[in-house]
Amino acid sequence: MNDHKQRLTPDQIAAANLVGWEQVEDTIQAEFDTGDFATGLRLLNLIGESAEAANHHPDLTLTYPSLAVTLSSHDIGGLSSRDVDLARQINEHAASLGVEHA
């Protein structure tokens, strides 16, 4: 799964074993129970740093007390290894803050 321009199949996404993520059409989505707005904002900022470094930007919705994340590779109209990689990084950021999936 290293070709960032190759569209992944649903089976390939499932095989990636992304804990807490659900494939919905051409996206993968997760919600994190941040417990409070400040923790959600910290998680959002960590995600933003990773997204900028990867030049791959998720859709984020921060509310009290959760953060919803949607990933998709808009340039290929589906999911790519960039989405899988960023989802794993996001899970690591959440774990570092003690945040669990909703």
Protein backbone atom coordinates (compact mmCIF):
# COMPACT_ATOMS: atom_id res chain seq x y z
CA MET A 1 0.00 0.00 0.00
CA ASN A 2 2.70 2.50 -0.87
CA ASP A 3 1.34 3.98 -4.12
CA HIS A 4 -0.47 7.14 -3.03
CA LYS A 5 -2.26 7.39 -6.38
CA GLN A 6 -3.66 3.85 -6.28
CA ARG A 7 -7.26 3.63 -5.18
CA LEU A 8 -7.71 0.98 -2.48
CA THR A 9 -10.52 -1.56 -2.53
CA PRO A 10 -12.85 -2.13 0.43
CA ASP A 11 -11.01 -5.43 1.06
CA GLN A 12 -7.67 -3.61 1.21
CA ILE A 13 -9.10 -1.07 3.67
CA ALA A 14 -10.49 -3.89 5.82
CA ALA A 15 -7.12 -5.67 5.71
CA ALA A 16 -5.44 -2.53 7.08
CA ASN A 17 -7.16 -3.23 10.44
CA LEU A 18 -7.77 0.41 11.28
CA VAL A 19 -9.14 0.23 14.82
CA GLY A 20 -12.07 2.58 15.32
CA TRP A 21 -12.44 3.56 11.67
CA GLU A 22 -15.42 2.75 9.46
CA GLN A 23 -15.52 2.87 5.68
CA VAL A 24 -18.46 4.92 4.45
CA GLU A 25 -18.60 5.00 0.65
CA ASP A 26 -15.31 6.56 -0.53
CA THR A 27 -14.21 7.71 2.94
CA ILE A 28 -13.08 6.34 6.27
CA GLN A 29 -14.53 7.95 9.35
CA ALA A 30 -13.83 7.92 13.08
CA GLU A 31 -15.13 9.76 16.10
CA PHE A 32 -13.07 10.39 19.20
CA ASP A 33 -14.52 10.97 22.67
CA THR A 34 -12.30 13.84 23.81
CA GLY A 35 -14.15 14.43 27.06
CA ASP A 36 -13.75 18.18 26.85
CA PHE A 37 -13.24 20.89 24.27
CA ALA A 38 -9.61 21.66 25.19
CA THR A 39 -8.52 18.04 24.68
CA GLY A 40 -10.40 17.97 21.39
CA LEU A 41 -8.56 21.08 20.29
CA ARG A 42 -5.19 19.54 21.25
CA LEU A 43 -6.04 16.44 19.20
CA LEU A 44 -7.21 18.59 16.30
CA ASN A 45 -3.91 20.50 16.34
CA LEU A 46 -1.85 17.29 16.36
CA ILE A 47 -3.89 16.01 13.42
CA GLY A 48 -3.36 19.32 11.65
CA GLU A 49 0.42 19.07 12.06
CA SER A 50 0.45 15.54 10.65
CA ALA A 51 -1.88 16.53 7.82
CA GLU A 52 0.33 19.45 6.83
CA ALA A 53 3.46 17.28 6.94
CA ALA A 54 1.77 14.70 4.69
CA ASN A 55 0.08 17.32 2.48
CA HIS A 56 -3.12 15.35 3.02
CA HIS A 57 -5.99 17.07 4.75
CA PRO A 58 -8.93 15.44 6.56
CA ASP A 59 -12.33 16.90 7.25
CA LEU A 60 -12.57 17.62 10.99
CA THR A 61 -15.59 18.49 13.12
CA LEU A 62 -14.83 19.55 16.68
CA THR A 63 -17.73 19.72 19.10
CA TYR A 64 -18.08 19.33 22.82
CA PRO A 65 -17.05 16.60 23.71
CA SER A 66 -15.92 14.86 20.52
CA LEU A 67 -13.90 15.16 17.35
CA ALA A 68 -15.11 13.56 14.11
CA VAL A 69 -12.58 12.82 11.37
CA THR A 70 -13.25 11.94 7.73
CA LEU A 71 -10.46 10.91 5.39
CA SER A 72 -10.53 10.57 1.62
CA SER A 73 -8.12 11.13 -1.24
CA HIS A 74 -10.10 13.65 -3.25
CA ASP A 75 -7.59 13.63 -6.10
CA ILE A 76 -8.35 9.95 -6.88
CA GLY A 77 -11.99 9.93 -5.80
CA GLY A 78 -11.54 7.31 -3.10
CA LEU A 79 -9.19 5.94 -0.50
CA SER A 80 -5.42 5.54 -0.82
CA SER A 81 -2.49 4.55 1.35
CA ARG A 82 -2.30 8.21 2.44
CA ASP A 83 -5.63 7.76 4.21
CA VAL A 84 -4.51 4.56 5.92
CA ASP A 85 -1.23 6.15 7.01
CA LEU A 86 -2.92 9.28 8.36
CA ALA A 87 -5.60 7.25 10.17
CA ARG A 88 -2.85 5.33 11.96
CA GLN A 89 -1.11 8.58 12.93
CA ILE A 90 -4.40 10.01 14.20
CA ASN A 91 -4.95 6.91 16.35
CA GLU A 92 -1.44 7.38 17.77
CA HIS A 93 -2.14 11.04 18.55
CA ALA A 94 -5.40 10.12 20.27
CA ALA A 95 -3.67 7.43 22.34
CA SER A 96 -0.96 9.90 23.39
CA LEU A 97 -3.71 12.13 24.84
CA GLY A 98 -5.62 9.27 26.43
CA VAL A 99 -8.50 9.78 23.98
CA GLU A 100 -10.56 6.78 22.88
CA HIS A 101 -12.81 6.18 19.92
CA ALA A 102 -16.44 7.04 20.58
